[in-house]
All heavy atoms as atom14 arrays in JSON, in Angstrom:
{
  "sequence": "KQICPGEGLACMKIFLLMATILQNFTLKPVVDPQELSITPTLSETGN",
  "atom14_mask": [
    [1, 1, 1, 1, 1, 1, 1, 1, 1, 0, 0, 0, 0, 0],
    [1, 1, 1, 1, 1, 1, 1, 1, 1, 0, 0, 0, 0, 0],
    [1, 1, 1, 1, 1, 1, 1, 1, 0, 0, 0, 0, 0, 0],
    [1, 1, 1, 1, 1, 1, 0, 0, 0, 0, 0, 0, 0, 0],
    [1, 1, 1, 1, 1, 1, 1, 0, 0, 0, 0, 0, 0, 0],
    [1, 1, 1, 1, 0, 0, 0, 0, 0, 0, 0, 0, 0, 0],
    [1, 1, 1, 1, 1, 1, 1, 1, 1, 0, 0, 0, 0, 0],
    [1, 1, 1, 1, 0, 0, 0, 0, 0, 0, 0, 0, 0, 0],
    [1, 1, 1, 1, 1, 1, 1, 1, 0, 0, 0, 0, 0, 0],
    [1, 1, 1, 1, 1, 0, 0, 0, 0, 0, 0, 0, 0, 0],
    [1, 1, 1, 1, 1, 1, 0, 0, 0, 0, 0, 0, 0, 0],
    [1, 1, 1, 1, 1, 1, 1, 1, 0, 0, 0, 0, 0, 0],
    [1, 1, 1, 1, 1, 1, 1, 1, 1, 0, 0, 0, 0, 0],
    [1, 1, 1, 1, 1, 1, 1, 1, 0, 0, 0, 0, 0, 0],
    [1, 1, 1, 1, 1, 1, 1, 1, 1, 1, 1, 0, 0, 0],
    [1, 1, 1, 1, 1, 1, 1, 1, 0, 0, 0, 0, 0, 0],
    [1, 1, 1, 1, 1, 1, 1, 1, 0, 0, 0, 0, 0, 0],
    [1, 1, 1, 1, 1, 1, 1, 1, 0, 0, 0, 0, 0, 0],
    [1, 1, 1, 1, 1, 0, 0, 0, 0, 0, 0, 0, 0, 0],
    [1, 1, 1, 1, 1, 1, 1, 0, 0, 0, 0, 0, 0, 0],
    [1, 1, 1, 1, 1, 1, 1, 1, 0, 0, 0, 0, 0, 0],
    [1, 1, 1, 1, 1, 1, 1, 1, 0, 0, 0, 0, 0, 0],
    [1, 1, 1, 1, 1, 1, 1, 1, 1, 0, 0, 0, 0, 0],
    [1, 1, 1, 1, 1, 1, 1, 1, 0, 0, 0, 0, 0, 0],
    [1, 1, 1, 1, 1, 1, 1, 1, 1, 1, 1, 0, 0, 0],
    [1, 1, 1, 1, 1, 1, 1, 0, 0, 0, 0, 0, 0, 0],
    [1, 1, 1, 1, 1, 1, 1, 1, 0, 0, 0, 0, 0, 0],
    [1, 1, 1, 1, 1, 1, 1, 1, 1, 0, 0, 0, 0, 0],
    [1, 1, 1, 1, 1, 1, 1, 0, 0, 0, 0, 0, 0, 0],
    [1, 1, 1, 1, 1, 1, 1, 0, 0, 0, 0, 0, 0, 0],
    [1, 1, 1, 1, 1, 1, 1, 0, 0, 0, 0, 0, 0, 0],
    [1, 1, 1, 1, 1, 1, 1, 1, 0, 0, 0, 0, 0, 0],
    [1, 1, 1, 1, 1, 1, 1, 0, 0, 0, 0, 0, 0, 0],
    [1, 1, 1, 1, 1, 1, 1, 1, 1, 0, 0, 0, 0, 0],
    [1, 1, 1, 1, 1, 1, 1, 1, 1, 0, 0, 0, 0, 0],
    [1, 1, 1, 1, 1, 1, 1, 1, 0, 0, 0, 0, 0, 0],
    [1, 1, 1, 1, 1, 1, 0, 0, 0, 0, 0, 0, 0, 0],
    [1, 1, 1, 1, 1, 1, 1, 1, 0, 0, 0, 0, 0, 0],
    [1, 1, 1, 1, 1, 1, 1, 0, 0, 0, 0, 0, 0, 0],
    [1, 1, 1, 1, 1, 1, 1, 0, 0, 0, 0, 0, 0, 0],
    [1, 1, 1, 1, 1, 1, 1, 0, 0, 0, 0, 0, 0, 0],
    [1, 1, 1, 1, 1, 1, 1, 1, 0, 0, 0, 0, 0, 0],
    [1, 1, 1, 1, 1, 1, 0, 0, 0, 0, 0, 0, 0, 0],
    [1, 1, 1, 1, 1, 1, 1, 1, 1, 0, 0, 0, 0, 0],
    [1, 1, 1, 1, 1, 1, 1, 0, 0, 0, 0, 0, 0, 0],
    [1, 1, 1, 1, 0, 0, 0, 0, 0, 0, 0, 0, 0, 0],
    [1, 1, 1, 1, 1, 1, 1, 1, 0, 0, 0, 0, 0, 0]
  ],
  "atom14_positions": [
    [[0.8, -1.2, 0.03], [0.02, 0.0, -0.01], [0.89, 1.25, 0.02], [0.28, 2.36, -0.25], [-0.99, -0.05, 1.12], [-2.02, -1.02, 1.13], [-2.89, -1.02, 2.37], [-3.98, -2.16, 2.24], [-4.8, -2.12, 3.43], [0.0, 0.0, 0.0], [0.0, 0.0, 0.0], [0.0, 0.0, 0.0], [0.0, 0.0, 0.0], [0.0, 0.0, 0.0]],
    [[2.06, 1.18, 0.36], [2.93, 2.39, 0.34], [3.83, 2.54, -0.81], [4.81, 3.13, -0.82], [3.79, 2.39, 1.63], [3.01, 2.45, 2.89], [3.91, 2.43, 4.23], [4.95, 2.13, 4.29], [3.26, 2.92, 5.29], [0.0, 0.0, 0.0], [0.0, 0.0, 0.0], [0.0, 0.0, 0.0], [0.0, 0.0, 0.0], [0.0, 0.0, 0.0]],
    [[3.42, 1.79, -1.94], [4.32, 2.02, -3.1], [4.11, 3.43, -3.58], [3.23, 4.14, -3.3], [3.65, 0.94, -4.16], [4.55, 0.96, -5.49], [2.27, 1.46, -4.7], [4.22, -0.3, -6.39], [0.0, 0.0, 0.0], [0.0, 0.0, 0.0], [0.0, 0.0, 0.0], [0.0, 0.0, 0.0], [0.0, 0.0, 0.0], [0.0, 0.0, 0.0]],
    [[5.18, 3.9, -4.28], [5.26, 5.33, -4.64], [4.0, 5.63, -5.62], [3.85, 5.0, -6.62], [6.5, 5.57, -5.47], [6.72, 7.2, -6.13], [0.0, 0.0, 0.0], [0.0, 0.0, 0.0], [0.0, 0.0, 0.0], [0.0, 0.0, 0.0], [0.0, 0.0, 0.0], [0.0, 0.0, 0.0], [0.0, 0.0, 0.0], [0.0, 0.0, 0.0]],
    [[3.18, 6.62, -5.2], [2.03, 6.98, -6.11], [2.48, 7.52, -7.56], [1.73, 7.53, -8.46], [1.28, 7.94, -5.27], [2.27, 8.67, -4.38], [3.33, 7.52, -4.13], [0.0, 0.0, 0.0], [0.0, 0.0, 0.0], [0.0, 0.0, 0.0], [0.0, 0.0, 0.0], [0.0, 0.0, 0.0], [0.0, 0.0, 0.0], [0.0, 0.0, 0.0]],
    [[3.77, 8.1, -7.63], [4.19, 8.43, -8.93], [4.86, 7.48, -9.76], [5.48, 7.8, -10.81], [0.0, 0.0, 0.0], [0.0, 0.0, 0.0], [0.0, 0.0, 0.0], [0.0, 0.0, 0.0], [0.0, 0.0, 0.0], [0.0, 0.0, 0.0], [0.0, 0.0, 0.0], [0.0, 0.0, 0.0], [0.0, 0.0, 0.0], [0.0, 0.0, 0.0]],
    [[4.73, 6.17, -9.46], [5.5, 5.11, -10.22], [5.13, 5.1, -11.64], [5.98, 5.13, -12.56], [5.13, 3.74, -9.6], [5.77, 2.65, -10.44], [5.53, 1.25, -9.98], [4.54, 1.11, -9.18], [6.3, 0.32, -10.35], [0.0, 0.0, 0.0], [0.0, 0.0, 0.0], [0.0, 0.0, 0.0], [0.0, 0.0, 0.0], [0.0, 0.0, 0.0]],
    [[3.89, 5.19, -12.04], [3.4, 5.19, -13.4], [4.07, 6.38, -14.15], [4.49, 6.21, -15.26], [0.0, 0.0, 0.0], [0.0, 0.0, 0.0], [0.0, 0.0, 0.0], [0.0, 0.0, 0.0], [0.0, 0.0, 0.0], [0.0, 0.0, 0.0], [0.0, 0.0, 0.0], [0.0, 0.0, 0.0], [0.0, 0.0, 0.0], [0.0, 0.0, 0.0]],
    [[3.98, 7.39, -13.63], [4.31, 8.72, -14.31], [5.99, 8.62, -14.43], [6.47, 8.91, -15.38], [3.99, 9.94, -13.57], [4.46, 11.29, -14.12], [3.92, 11.57, -15.43], [4.09, 12.46, -13.14], [0.0, 0.0, 0.0], [0.0, 0.0, 0.0], [0.0, 0.0, 0.0], [0.0, 0.0, 0.0], [0.0, 0.0, 0.0], [0.0, 0.0, 0.0]],
    [[6.68, 8.27, -13.47], [8.18, 8.11, -13.35], [8.62, 7.1, -14.44], [9.41, 7.37, -15.29], [8.62, 7.7, -12.11], [0.0, 0.0, 0.0], [0.0, 0.0, 0.0], [0.0, 0.0, 0.0], [0.0, 0.0, 0.0], [0.0, 0.0, 0.0], [0.0, 0.0, 0.0], [0.0, 0.0, 0.0], [0.0, 0.0, 0.0], [0.0, 0.0, 0.0]],
    [[7.91, 6.01, -14.48], [8.42, 4.92, -15.49], [8.05, 5.48, -16.93], [8.85, 5.33, -17.84], [7.55, 3.69, -15.28], [7.95, 2.77, -13.86], [0.0, 0.0, 0.0], [0.0, 0.0, 0.0], [0.0, 0.0, 0.0], [0.0, 0.0, 0.0], [0.0, 0.0, 0.0], [0.0, 0.0, 0.0], [0.0, 0.0, 0.0], [0.0, 0.0, 0.0]],
    [[6.97, 6.28, -17.06], [6.68, 6.57, -18.41], [7.72, 7.77, -18.86], [8.25, 7.76, -19.88], [5.23, 7.45, -18.41], [4.92, 7.96, -19.89], [3.22, 8.79, -19.78], [3.6, 10.13, -18.66], [0.0, 0.0, 0.0], [0.0, 0.0, 0.0], [0.0, 0.0, 0.0], [0.0, 0.0, 0.0], [0.0, 0.0, 0.0], [0.0, 0.0, 0.0]],
    [[8.06, 8.67, -17.87], [9.11, 9.71, -18.22], [10.37, 9.12, -18.51], [11.16, 9.6, -19.35], [9.0, 10.77, -17.08], [7.72, 11.57, -17.16], [7.87, 12.63, -16.11], [8.6, 13.8, -16.81], [8.0, 15.07, -16.91], [0.0, 0.0, 0.0], [0.0, 0.0, 0.0], [0.0, 0.0, 0.0], [0.0, 0.0, 0.0], [0.0, 0.0, 0.0]],
    [[10.74, 8.19, -17.66], [12.16, 7.59, -17.91], [12.26, 6.88, -19.13], [13.23, 7.06, -20.0], [12.44, 6.58, -16.7], [12.65, 7.28, -15.51], [13.76, 5.74, -17.12], [12.69, 6.29, -14.28], [0.0, 0.0, 0.0], [0.0, 0.0, 0.0], [0.0, 0.0, 0.0], [0.0, 0.0, 0.0], [0.0, 0.0, 0.0], [0.0, 0.0, 0.0]],
    [[11.17, 6.11, -19.63], [11.11, 5.45, -20.97], [11.11, 6.55, -22.04], [11.91, 6.36, -23.01], [9.74, 4.62, -21.04], [9.7, 4.01, -22.4], [10.41, 2.74, -22.76], [8.97, 4.57, -23.41], [10.36, 2.28, -23.99], [8.87, 4.02, -24.59], [9.56, 2.82, -24.92], [0.0, 0.0, 0.0], [0.0, 0.0, 0.0], [0.0, 0.0, 0.0]],
    [[10.35, 7.52, -21.97], [10.29, 8.62, -23.01], [11.69, 9.31, -23.17], [12.25, 9.53, -24.29], [9.27, 9.67, -22.76], [7.84, 9.18, -23.01], [6.82, 10.25, -22.42], [7.63, 8.76, -24.39], [0.0, 0.0, 0.0], [0.0, 0.0, 0.0], [0.0, 0.0, 0.0], [0.0, 0.0, 0.0], [0.0, 0.0, 0.0], [0.0, 0.0, 0.0]],
    [[12.42, 9.5, -22.12], [13.7, 10.14, -22.05], [14.68, 9.31, -22.73], [15.42, 9.71, -23.72], [14.05, 10.57, -20.69], [15.5, 11.25, -20.58], [15.55, 12.58, -21.23], [15.93, 11.31, -19.2], [0.0, 0.0, 0.0], [0.0, 0.0, 0.0], [0.0, 0.0, 0.0], [0.0, 0.0, 0.0], [0.0, 0.0, 0.0], [0.0, 0.0, 0.0]],
    [[14.71, 8.03, -22.38], [15.6, 7.09, -22.89], [15.44, 6.82, -24.42], [16.33, 6.83, -25.21], [15.71, 5.73, -22.14], [16.22, 5.71, -20.8], [17.99, 6.05, -20.8], [18.59, 4.54, -21.55], [0.0, 0.0, 0.0], [0.0, 0.0, 0.0], [0.0, 0.0, 0.0], [0.0, 0.0, 0.0], [0.0, 0.0, 0.0], [0.0, 0.0, 0.0]],
    [[14.02, 6.7, -24.69], [13.82, 6.46, -26.16], [14.1, 7.59, -27.05], [14.66, 7.45, -28.07], [12.36, 6.05, -26.26], [0.0, 0.0, 0.0], [0.0, 0.0, 0.0], [0.0, 0.0, 0.0], [0.0, 0.0, 0.0], [0.0, 0.0, 0.0], [0.0, 0.0, 0.0], [0.0, 0.0, 0.0], [0.0, 0.0, 0.0], [0.0, 0.0, 0.0]],
    [[13.85, 8.79, -26.57], [14.24, 10.0, -27.3], [15.66, 10.17, -27.66], [16.19, 10.41, -28.65], [13.6, 11.35, -26.63], [12.25, 11.09, -26.47], [13.93, 12.48, -27.37], [0.0, 0.0, 0.0], [0.0, 0.0, 0.0], [0.0, 0.0, 0.0], [0.0, 0.0, 0.0], [0.0, 0.0, 0.0], [0.0, 0.0, 0.0], [0.0, 0.0, 0.0]],
    [[16.41, 9.96, -26.48], [17.91, 10.01, -26.55], [18.47, 8.92, -27.58], [19.22, 9.29, -28.52], [18.63, 9.82, -25.22], [18.29, 11.1, -24.38], [20.17, 9.67, -25.34], [18.83, 11.04, -23.08], [0.0, 0.0, 0.0], [0.0, 0.0, 0.0], [0.0, 0.0, 0.0], [0.0, 0.0, 0.0], [0.0, 0.0, 0.0], [0.0, 0.0, 0.0]],
    [[17.99, 7.77, -27.37], [18.55, 6.62, -28.24], [18.03, 6.74, -29.73], [18.82, 6.23, -30.54], [18.14, 5.26, -27.69], [18.81, 5.03, -26.29], [18.33, 3.8, -25.67], [20.34, 4.96, -26.41], [0.0, 0.0, 0.0], [0.0, 0.0, 0.0], [0.0, 0.0, 0.0], [0.0, 0.0, 0.0], [0.0, 0.0, 0.0], [0.0, 0.0, 0.0]],
    [[16.9, 7.29, -29.94], [16.42, 7.44, -31.28], [17.05, 8.63, -32.08], [17.2, 8.61, -33.27], [14.86, 7.69, -31.36], [14.2, 6.44, -30.96], [12.69, 6.76, -30.96], [12.12, 7.86, -30.78], [11.82, 5.68, -31.08], [0.0, 0.0, 0.0], [0.0, 0.0, 0.0], [0.0, 0.0, 0.0], [0.0, 0.0, 0.0], [0.0, 0.0, 0.0]],
    [[17.72, 9.62, -31.28], [18.08, 10.84, -31.91], [19.7, 10.84, -31.83], [20.24, 11.81, -32.49], [17.53, 11.97, -31.4], [16.04, 12.11, -31.69], [15.73, 12.4, -32.83], [15.18, 11.84, -30.72], [0.0, 0.0, 0.0], [0.0, 0.0, 0.0], [0.0, 0.0, 0.0], [0.0, 0.0, 0.0], [0.0, 0.0, 0.0], [0.0, 0.0, 0.0]],
    [[20.33, 10.14, -31.12], [21.8, 10.19, -30.97], [22.4, 8.79, -30.96], [21.9, 7.81, -30.43], [22.11, 10.94, -29.58], [21.58, 12.28, -29.53], [20.45, 12.61, -28.78], [22.34, 13.39, -29.97], [19.92, 13.9, -28.72], [21.83, 14.62, -29.91], [20.69, 14.93, -29.2], [0.0, 0.0, 0.0], [0.0, 0.0, 0.0], [0.0, 0.0, 0.0]],
    [[23.75, 8.87, -31.38], [24.59, 7.8, -31.14], [25.49, 8.12, -30.03], [26.08, 9.21, -30.09], [25.38, 7.55, -32.47], [24.6, 7.27, -33.52], [26.44, 6.29, -32.22], [0.0, 0.0, 0.0], [0.0, 0.0, 0.0], [0.0, 0.0, 0.0], [0.0, 0.0, 0.0], [0.0, 0.0, 0.0], [0.0, 0.0, 0.0], [0.0, 0.0, 0.0]],
    [[25.49, 7.25, -29.09], [26.35, 7.59, -27.7], [27.56, 6.81, -27.95], [27.73, 5.61, -28.17], [25.52, 7.12, -26.52], [24.13, 7.7, -26.38], [23.51, 7.03, -25.17], [24.24, 9.21, -26.3], [0.0, 0.0, 0.0], [0.0, 0.0, 0.0], [0.0, 0.0, 0.0], [0.0, 0.0, 0.0], [0.0, 0.0, 0.0], [0.0, 0.0, 0.0]],
    [[28.75, 7.72, -27.8], [30.11, 7.2, -27.94], [30.82, 7.5, -26.67], [30.85, 8.61, -26.16], [30.87, 7.76, -29.16], [30.26, 7.59, -30.44], [30.65, 6.26, -31.03], [30.12, 6.26, -32.4], [30.37, 4.91, -33.13], [0.0, 0.0, 0.0], [0.0, 0.0, 0.0], [0.0, 0.0, 0.0], [0.0, 0.0, 0.0], [0.0, 0.0, 0.0]],
    [[31.43, 6.47, -26.09], [32.22, 6.77, -24.86], [33.49, 7.51, -25.17], [34.06, 7.39, -26.26], [32.52, 5.37, -24.25], [32.36, 4.53, -25.42], [31.5, 5.07, -26.33], [0.0, 0.0, 0.0], [0.0, 0.0, 0.0], [0.0, 0.0, 0.0], [0.0, 0.0, 0.0], [0.0, 0.0, 0.0], [0.0, 0.0, 0.0], [0.0, 0.0, 0.0]],
    [[34.01, 8.37, -24.15], [35.17, 9.04, -24.35], [36.41, 8.27, -24.15], [37.41, 8.33, -24.67], [35.18, 10.25, -23.55], [36.52, 11.04, -23.6], [34.02, 11.26, -23.92], [0.0, 0.0, 0.0], [0.0, 0.0, 0.0], [0.0, 0.0, 0.0], [0.0, 0.0, 0.0], [0.0, 0.0, 0.0], [0.0, 0.0, 0.0], [0.0, 0.0, 0.0]],
    [[36.2, 7.25, -23.16], [37.3, 6.23, -22.77], [36.69, 4.9, -23.12], [35.71, 4.66, -23.51], [37.6, 6.41, -21.17], [38.08, 7.75, -20.92], [36.3, 5.94, -20.48], [0.0, 0.0, 0.0], [0.0, 0.0, 0.0], [0.0, 0.0, 0.0], [0.0, 0.0, 0.0], [0.0, 0.0, 0.0], [0.0, 0.0, 0.0], [0.0, 0.0, 0.0]],
    [[37.69, 3.94, -23.11], [37.42, 2.51, -23.32], [36.36, 2.12, -22.4], [36.41, 2.21, -21.12], [38.72, 1.78, -23.13], [38.45, 0.26, -23.48], [37.35, -0.2, -23.81], [39.39, -0.53, -23.31], [0.0, 0.0, 0.0], [0.0, 0.0, 0.0], [0.0, 0.0, 0.0], [0.0, 0.0, 0.0], [0.0, 0.0, 0.0], [0.0, 0.0, 0.0]],
    [[35.22, 1.5, -22.79], [34.2, 1.06, -21.99], [34.55, 0.0, -20.92], [34.02, -0.01, -19.84], [33.05, 0.43, -22.9], [33.3, 1.09, -24.36], [34.83, 1.38, -24.21], [0.0, 0.0, 0.0], [0.0, 0.0, 0.0], [0.0, 0.0, 0.0], [0.0, 0.0, 0.0], [0.0, 0.0, 0.0], [0.0, 0.0, 0.0], [0.0, 0.0, 0.0]],
    [[35.64, -0.68, -21.26], [36.08, -1.71, -20.25], [36.66, -1.03, -18.97], [36.79, -1.58, -17.87], [37.13, -2.6, -20.96], [36.69, -3.28, -22.14], [35.55, -4.28, -21.75], [35.6, -4.85, -20.58], [34.67, -4.58, -22.65], [0.0, 0.0, 0.0], [0.0, 0.0, 0.0], [0.0, 0.0, 0.0], [0.0, 0.0, 0.0], [0.0, 0.0, 0.0]],
    [[37.09, 0.24, -19.03], [37.58, 1.02, -17.98], [36.52, 1.51, -17.05], [36.82, 2.01, -15.91], [38.45, 2.15, -18.48], [39.68, 1.76, -19.2], [40.52, 2.94, -19.77], [40.17, 4.05, -19.29], [41.31, 2.74, -20.72], [0.0, 0.0, 0.0], [0.0, 0.0, 0.0], [0.0, 0.0, 0.0], [0.0, 0.0, 0.0], [0.0, 0.0, 0.0]],
    [[35.24, 1.44, -17.48], [34.18, 2.17, -16.67], [33.64, 1.05, -15.71], [33.36, -0.08, -15.97], [32.96, 2.55, -17.61], [33.31, 3.49, -18.58], [32.19, 3.82, -19.49], [33.81, 4.88, -17.92], [0.0, 0.0, 0.0], [0.0, 0.0, 0.0], [0.0, 0.0, 0.0], [0.0, 0.0, 0.0], [0.0, 0.0, 0.0], [0.0, 0.0, 0.0]],
    [[33.37, 1.57, -14.55], [32.62, 0.66, -13.42], [31.23, 1.19, -13.3], [30.96, 2.31, -13.12], [33.37, 0.7, -12.16], [32.63, 0.13, -11.17], [0.0, 0.0, 0.0], [0.0, 0.0, 0.0], [0.0, 0.0, 0.0], [0.0, 0.0, 0.0], [0.0, 0.0, 0.0], [0.0, 0.0, 0.0], [0.0, 0.0, 0.0], [0.0, 0.0, 0.0]],
    [[30.32, 0.25, -13.43], [28.95, 0.51, -13.27], [28.39, 0.1, -12.01], [27.22, 0.19, -11.66], [28.05, -0.02, -14.42], [28.2, -1.5, -14.53], [28.38, 0.67, -15.67], [27.19, -2.15, -15.48], [0.0, 0.0, 0.0], [0.0, 0.0, 0.0], [0.0, 0.0, 0.0], [0.0, 0.0, 0.0], [0.0, 0.0, 0.0], [0.0, 0.0, 0.0]],
    [[29.17, -0.47, -11.13], [28.89, -0.91, -9.72], [28.41, 0.27, -8.84], [29.27, 1.2, -8.65], [29.93, -1.77, -9.16], [30.3, -2.8, -9.98], [29.41, -2.32, -7.76], [0.0, 0.0, 0.0], [0.0, 0.0, 0.0], [0.0, 0.0, 0.0], [0.0, 0.0, 0.0], [0.0, 0.0, 0.0], [0.0, 0.0, 0.0], [0.0, 0.0, 0.0]],
    [[27.21, 0.31, -8.39], [26.81, 1.44, -7.53], [27.53, 1.42, -6.19], [27.91, 0.35, -5.64], [25.32, 1.14, -7.33], [25.04, -0.23, -7.54], [26.11, -0.72, -8.5], [0.0, 0.0, 0.0], [0.0, 0.0, 0.0], [0.0, 0.0, 0.0], [0.0, 0.0, 0.0], [0.0, 0.0, 0.0], [0.0, 0.0, 0.0], [0.0, 0.0, 0.0]],
    [[27.68, 2.59, -5.57], [28.22, 2.66, -4.23], [27.06, 2.45, -3.26], [25.97, 2.97, -3.32], [28.82, 4.05, -3.94], [29.76, 4.38, -4.92], [29.29, 4.17, -2.56], [0.0, 0.0, 0.0], [0.0, 0.0, 0.0], [0.0, 0.0, 0.0], [0.0, 0.0, 0.0], [0.0, 0.0, 0.0], [0.0, 0.0, 0.0], [0.0, 0.0, 0.0]],
    [[27.36, 1.38, -2.39], [26.12, 1.08, -1.46], [26.13, 1.9, -0.2], [27.15, 2.32, 0.26], [26.43, -0.43, -0.98], [26.5, -1.47, -2.16], [26.85, -2.81, -1.65], [25.29, -1.52, -3.0], [0.0, 0.0, 0.0], [0.0, 0.0, 0.0], [0.0, 0.0, 0.0], [0.0, 0.0, 0.0], [0.0, 0.0, 0.0], [0.0, 0.0, 0.0]],
    [[25.01, 2.15, 0.36], [24.89, 2.83, 1.5], [23.57, 2.26, 2.2], [22.89, 1.48, 1.74], [24.59, 4.28, 1.21], [23.39, 4.65, 0.73], [0.0, 0.0, 0.0], [0.0, 0.0, 0.0], [0.0, 0.0, 0.0], [0.0, 0.0, 0.0], [0.0, 0.0, 0.0], [0.0, 0.0, 0.0], [0.0, 0.0, 0.0], [0.0, 0.0, 0.0]],
    [[23.32, 2.74, 3.45], [22.17, 2.15, 4.21], [20.84, 2.69, 3.66], [19.84, 1.91, 3.66], [22.32, 2.64, 5.65], [23.39, 1.9, 6.42], [23.24, 2.29, 7.92], [22.28, 2.61, 8.42], [24.42, 2.15, 8.58], [0.0, 0.0, 0.0], [0.0, 0.0, 0.0], [0.0, 0.0, 0.0], [0.0, 0.0, 0.0], [0.0, 0.0, 0.0]],
    [[20.75, 3.86, 3.17], [19.55, 4.33, 2.74], [19.24, 4.32, 1.13], [18.25, 4.37, 0.65], [19.28, 5.8, 3.15], [20.42, 6.51, 2.62], [19.31, 5.97, 4.58], [0.0, 0.0, 0.0], [0.0, 0.0, 0.0], [0.0, 0.0, 0.0], [0.0, 0.0, 0.0], [0.0, 0.0, 0.0], [0.0, 0.0, 0.0], [0.0, 0.0, 0.0]],
    [[20.44, 4.13, 0.45], [20.26, 4.0, -1.03], [21.58, 3.74, -1.61], [22.64, 3.8, -1.1], [0.0, 0.0, 0.0], [0.0, 0.0, 0.0], [0.0, 0.0, 0.0], [0.0, 0.0, 0.0], [0.0, 0.0, 0.0], [0.0, 0.0, 0.0], [0.0, 0.0, 0.0], [0.0, 0.0, 0.0], [0.0, 0.0, 0.0], [0.0, 0.0, 0.0]],
    [[21.41, 3.29, -2.87], [22.61, 3.04, -3.78], [22.86, 4.19, -4.65], [22.0, 4.7, -5.23], [22.42, 1.81, -4.59], [22.32, 0.52, -3.58], [22.89, 0.57, -2.52], [21.51, -0.43, -4.16], [0.0, 0.0, 0.0], [0.0, 0.0, 0.0], [0.0, 0.0, 0.0], [0.0, 0.0, 0.0], [0.0, 0.0, 0.0], [0.0, 0.0, 0.0]]
  ]
}
């Protein structure tokens, strides 16, 4: 019952933003992608 009331809106906006970026741009890394770490920093309240 305590799920975020804005979940539907947030999901829609995230999808639209990603789709718009990926449809209009080619994303190229500045450094070798193997050098990038995508592991989040862990904390008690959030990652």
